[in-house]
Amino acid sequence: MSRREQIRMSPEEVSSYLAGQRVINVATLGPNGRPHLAPLWYFPRGEGVATWTYGKSQKVANLRRDPHATVLVESGDSYEELRGVSMECDVELVTDPAAVTELGLGLTRRYTPGVDEDALAEVVSAQAPKRIGLVFTPTRIVSWDHSKLGGTY
């Protein structure tokens, strides 16, 4: 078995990994053709992830031109700890205020557990008109977990 096969995560491992991490790095193509990279909070959704961002952000301008992105989630401080998932994604831009609010609620629930639901809904509803939802659906997933090598290279 190749090293690549040894470190690949199963679909279940990918799901578990995404559920346990906190930040995605999203690469879109800027107007000059160069990658534009931005970190975002997210929540797992289906095989991919979802989030929201300001409607006037550069990443949204880029995604309006080309609704494709590469999403990276990675961790590890040494070679034998390296883990990650890279997803080439089709991106849906969600503009319906109710749907944007739902995405915002999903996101804020994940990062502010235990907050009063009514207070949370009020804050998210106030922010939703300025936001765009982003739903990342993978067309290709590459994963690695170097801990599967047991410390050997």
Protein backbone atom coordinates (compact mmCIF):
# COMPACT_ATOMS: atom_id res chain seq x y z
CA MET A 1 0.00 0.00 0.00
CA SER A 2 1.34 3.46 -0.91
CA ARG A 3 2.07 6.09 1.73
CA ARG A 4 -0.70 8.21 0.20
CA GLU A 5 -3.21 5.40 0.73
CA GLN A 6 -1.97 4.88 4.29
CA ILE A 7 -2.62 8.47 5.35
CA ARG A 8 -5.93 9.05 3.53
CA MET A 9 -8.90 9.54 5.84
CA SER A 10 -12.13 7.60 5.34
CA PRO A 11 -15.31 9.62 4.73
CA GLU A 12 -16.25 9.07 8.39
CA GLU A 13 -12.83 10.30 9.54
CA VAL A 14 -13.17 13.38 7.33
CA SER A 15 -16.59 14.15 8.85
CA SER A 16 -15.27 13.70 12.37
CA TYR A 17 -12.21 15.84 11.64
CA LEU A 18 -14.30 18.68 10.18
CA ALA A 19 -16.62 18.53 13.20
CA GLY A 20 -13.65 18.91 15.54
CA GLN A 21 -11.86 21.82 13.89
CA ARG A 22 -12.70 25.53 14.10
CA VAL A 23 -11.33 27.44 11.10
CA ILE A 24 -11.39 26.92 7.35
CA ASN A 25 -9.11 28.73 4.93
CA VAL A 26 -11.04 29.62 1.78
CA ALA A 27 -9.23 30.32 -1.49
CA THR A 28 -11.11 32.14 -4.24
CA LEU A 29 -9.77 33.78 -7.39
CA GLY A 30 -9.35 37.53 -7.18
CA PRO A 31 -9.96 39.93 -10.09
CA ASN A 32 -6.25 39.75 -11.00
CA GLY A 33 -6.39 35.94 -11.25
CA ARG A 34 -4.40 35.40 -8.07
CA PRO A 35 -5.70 33.40 -5.12
CA HIS A 36 -7.45 35.35 -2.37
CA LEU A 37 -7.17 33.46 0.91
CA ALA A 38 -9.39 34.11 3.93
CA PRO A 39 -9.95 32.27 7.23
CA LEU A 40 -13.54 31.74 8.32
CA TRP A 41 -15.49 30.04 11.07
CA TYR A 42 -17.76 27.32 9.70
CA PHE A 43 -20.03 24.46 10.54
CA PRO A 44 -20.20 21.05 8.86
CA ARG A 45 -23.07 20.67 6.40
CA GLY A 46 -23.53 17.47 4.42
CA GLU A 47 -20.17 16.43 2.94
CA GLY A 48 -19.06 20.06 2.96
CA VAL A 49 -19.25 23.12 5.16
CA ALA A 50 -21.24 26.33 5.42
CA THR A 51 -20.70 29.80 6.82
CA TRP A 52 -21.66 33.40 6.27
CA THR A 53 -19.70 36.55 5.57
CA TYR A 54 -20.26 40.21 4.76
CA GLY A 55 -21.95 40.67 1.41
CA LYS A 56 -19.43 43.34 0.39
CA SER A 57 -16.35 41.23 1.16
CA GLN A 58 -13.74 40.45 -1.47
CA LYS A 59 -14.44 36.72 -1.24
CA VAL A 60 -18.10 37.32 -2.13
CA ALA A 61 -17.12 39.54 -5.08
CA ASN A 62 -14.80 36.76 -6.24
CA LEU A 63 -17.47 34.07 -5.80
CA ARG A 64 -20.03 36.10 -7.74
CA ARG A 65 -17.60 36.01 -10.70
CA ASP A 66 -16.61 32.38 -10.21
CA PRO A 67 -18.55 30.27 -7.67
CA HIS A 68 -15.70 27.84 -7.00
CA ALA A 69 -13.30 27.69 -4.07
CA THR A 70 -10.76 25.49 -2.41
CA VAL A 71 -11.26 25.00 1.31
CA LEU A 72 -8.45 23.86 3.61
CA VAL A 73 -8.69 22.67 7.19
CA GLU A 74 -5.40 21.55 8.73
CA SER A 75 -3.75 20.87 12.06
CA GLY A 76 -0.59 19.49 13.61
CA ASP A 77 2.65 20.92 14.94
CA SER A 78 5.01 18.17 13.81
CA TYR A 79 5.15 15.86 10.79
CA GLU A 80 3.69 12.86 12.59
CA GLU A 81 0.74 15.00 13.76
CA LEU A 82 -0.17 16.55 10.39
CA ARG A 83 -3.83 16.14 9.53
CA GLY A 84 -5.98 17.95 7.07
CA VAL A 85 -8.72 18.07 4.49
CA SER A 86 -8.62 20.02 1.24
CA MET A 87 -11.88 20.34 -0.69
CA GLU A 88 -12.40 21.72 -4.17
CA CYS A 89 -15.93 23.07 -3.96
CA ASP A 90 -18.85 24.48 -5.86
CA VAL A 91 -20.13 27.39 -3.80
CA GLU A 92 -23.74 28.43 -3.40
CA LEU A 93 -24.24 32.08 -2.45
CA VAL A 94 -27.31 32.28 -0.24
CA THR A 95 -29.07 35.66 -0.28
CA ASP A 96 -32.58 34.89 0.97
CA PRO A 97 -32.77 36.65 4.37
CA ALA A 98 -34.47 33.73 6.14
CA ALA A 99 -31.94 31.23 4.77
CA VAL A 100 -29.03 33.54 5.66
CA THR A 101 -30.43 33.83 9.18
CA GLU A 102 -30.59 30.03 9.48
CA LEU A 103 -26.96 29.71 8.37
CA GLY A 104 -25.98 32.43 10.83
CA LEU A 105 -27.78 30.61 13.62
CA GLY A 106 -26.01 27.34 12.75
CA LEU A 107 -22.68 29.09 12.84
CA THR A 108 -23.17 31.08 16.03
CA ARG A 109 -24.62 28.10 17.91
CA ARG A 110 -21.40 26.24 17.20
CA TYR A 111 -19.13 29.02 18.47
CA THR A 112 -21.24 30.33 21.35
CA PRO A 113 -22.75 27.25 23.00
CA GLY A 114 -25.10 27.81 25.88
CA VAL A 115 -26.20 31.28 24.77
CA ASP A 116 -29.88 32.09 25.22
CA GLU A 117 -31.65 31.18 21.94
CA ASP A 118 -33.83 34.31 21.92
CA ALA A 119 -30.84 36.59 22.39
CA LEU A 120 -28.92 34.67 19.75
CA ALA A 121 -31.77 34.93 17.26
CA GLU A 122 -32.01 38.68 17.86
CA VAL A 123 -28.30 39.27 17.22
CA VAL A 124 -28.18 37.01 14.15
CA SER A 125 -31.35 38.52 12.66
CA ALA A 126 -29.86 42.00 13.02
CA GLN A 127 -26.66 40.94 11.21
CA ALA A 128 -28.30 38.85 8.46
CA PRO A 129 -29.21 41.73 6.09
CA LYS A 130 -25.50 42.57 5.71
CA ARG A 131 -24.46 38.94 5.22
CA ILE A 132 -24.34 36.33 2.48
CA GLY A 133 -24.47 32.62 3.22
CA LEU A 134 -21.81 30.41 1.67
CA VAL A 135 -22.45 26.70 1.21
CA PHE A 136 -19.39 24.75 0.06
CA THR A 137 -20.17 21.47 -1.71
CA PRO A 138 -17.07 19.39 -2.44
CA THR A 139 -16.40 18.09 -5.93
CA ARG A 140 -13.05 16.64 -4.83
CA ILE A 141 -11.72 15.85 -1.34
CA VAL A 142 -8.11 15.15 -0.45
CA SER A 143 -7.26 14.20 3.12
CA TRP A 144 -4.24 13.20 5.14
CA ASP A 145 -3.56 11.95 8.65
CA HIS A 146 0.12 11.34 9.24
CA SER A 147 -0.57 9.87 12.67
CA LYS A 148 -1.64 6.72 10.79
CA LEU A 149 2.02 6.14 9.96
CA GLY A 150 2.82 5.46 13.61
CA GLY A 151 5.77 7.86 13.67
CA THR A 152 7.56 6.27 10.70
CA TYR A 153 8.34 8.09 7.51
